[in-house]
Amino acid sequence: MALMITDECINCDVCEPECPNDAISMGENFYQIDPHRCTECVGHFEEAQCVQICPVACIPVNPAHVESRETLLQKYQRLQALEPAPQLPAS
């Protein structure tokens, strides 16, 4: 399941930097979550960080993107494979 941000969002700016998958960005009127990048923090944390930090509780499950925990883990692994490998310092 991907999450979504409702129009109750107050644009407080606390959720965006907490997202380990860079799935949250500013939309036209309030923040939005890219369902193709949202793993509900599966693979990173036990609980979705944006939900934990949101002061107005406006981040429910997106009914249009219902996914199992296994599917979310596969999405996490796919996203990690797309990330560039960290550069090691030169010796």
Protein backbone atom coordinates (compact mmCIF):
# COMPACT_ATOMS: atom_id res chain seq x y z
CA MET A 1 0.00 0.00 0.00
CA ALA A 2 1.30 3.36 -0.84
CA LEU A 3 0.32 6.27 1.32
CA MET A 4 -1.30 9.53 0.28
CA ILE A 5 -1.52 13.02 1.72
CA THR A 6 -5.00 14.48 2.01
CA ASP A 7 -6.07 18.09 1.56
CA GLU A 8 -5.94 18.47 5.34
CA CYS A 9 -2.18 18.94 4.89
CA ILE A 10 -0.97 22.23 6.40
CA ASN A 11 2.28 22.30 4.39
CA CYS A 12 4.37 22.21 7.55
CA ASP A 13 7.35 20.77 5.62
CA VAL A 14 8.18 18.03 8.15
CA CYS A 15 7.30 14.94 6.08
CA GLU A 16 9.36 15.55 2.93
CA PRO A 17 12.83 15.28 4.51
CA GLU A 18 11.78 12.19 6.51
CA CYS A 19 10.99 10.09 3.42
CA PRO A 20 13.87 7.69 2.71
CA ASN A 21 12.59 7.03 -0.82
CA ASP A 22 12.18 10.68 -1.88
CA ALA A 23 8.51 9.91 -2.57
CA ILE A 24 7.16 13.14 -1.06
CA SER A 25 7.17 16.41 -2.95
CA MET A 26 5.22 19.64 -3.00
CA GLY A 27 2.14 19.44 -5.17
CA GLU A 28 0.01 22.28 -6.50
CA ASN A 29 -1.62 23.04 -3.13
CA PHE A 30 -0.11 20.61 -0.63
CA TYR A 31 2.41 17.81 -0.40
CA GLN A 32 1.89 14.63 -2.39
CA ILE A 33 3.31 11.11 -2.33
CA ASP A 34 4.50 9.31 -5.47
CA PRO A 35 2.94 5.82 -5.15
CA HIS A 36 5.68 4.38 -7.35
CA ARG A 37 8.31 5.39 -4.78
CA CYS A 38 6.37 4.94 -1.53
CA THR A 39 7.12 1.71 0.32
CA GLU A 40 5.57 2.88 3.61
CA CYS A 41 9.21 2.79 4.76
CA VAL A 42 9.33 -1.01 4.40
CA GLY A 43 13.01 -1.86 4.08
CA HIS A 44 14.04 1.26 5.99
CA PHE A 45 11.95 1.45 9.17
CA GLU A 46 9.26 -0.50 11.03
CA GLU A 47 6.73 2.33 10.61
CA ALA A 48 6.13 4.97 7.97
CA GLN A 49 8.15 7.99 9.04
CA CYS A 50 5.82 10.56 7.47
CA VAL A 51 2.84 9.15 9.36
CA GLN A 52 4.79 9.22 12.61
CA ILE A 53 5.83 12.86 12.26
CA CYS A 54 2.69 14.39 10.67
CA PRO A 55 1.13 16.84 13.16
CA VAL A 56 -2.35 16.71 11.58
CA ALA A 57 -2.63 12.97 10.79
CA CYS A 58 -3.42 13.52 7.12
CA ILE A 59 -1.47 10.57 5.65
CA PRO A 60 -3.71 7.51 5.21
CA VAL A 61 -3.26 4.46 3.00
CA ASN A 62 -4.03 5.26 -0.62
CA PRO A 63 -6.96 2.99 -1.58
CA ALA A 64 -5.93 3.20 -5.24
CA HIS A 65 -2.54 1.62 -4.47
CA VAL A 66 -3.10 -1.32 -2.14
CA GLU A 67 0.07 -3.45 -1.89
CA SER A 68 1.15 -6.28 0.39
CA ARG A 69 4.21 -5.98 2.64
CA GLU A 70 5.99 -8.39 0.28
CA THR A 71 5.20 -6.16 -2.70
CA LEU A 72 6.42 -3.11 -0.79
CA LEU A 73 9.67 -4.93 0.03
CA GLN A 74 10.13 -5.78 -3.66
CA LYS A 75 9.54 -2.14 -4.55
CA TYR A 76 12.12 -1.11 -1.91
CA GLN A 77 14.66 -3.54 -3.42
CA ARG A 78 13.94 -2.27 -6.94
CA LEU A 79 14.39 1.35 -5.82
CA GLN A 80 17.67 0.48 -4.06
CA ALA A 81 18.98 -1.16 -7.24
CA LEU A 82 18.31 2.12 -9.11
CA GLU A 83 20.27 4.23 -6.61
CA PRO A 84 23.89 4.90 -7.54
CA ALA A 85 26.39 3.01 -5.41
CA PRO A 86 28.06 5.15 -2.74
CA GLN A 87 31.47 6.41 -3.73
CA LEU A 88 34.32 5.27 -1.51
CA PRO A 89 36.98 7.86 -0.68
CA ALA A 90 40.15 7.59 -2.70
CA SER A 91 43.07 6.03 -0.82
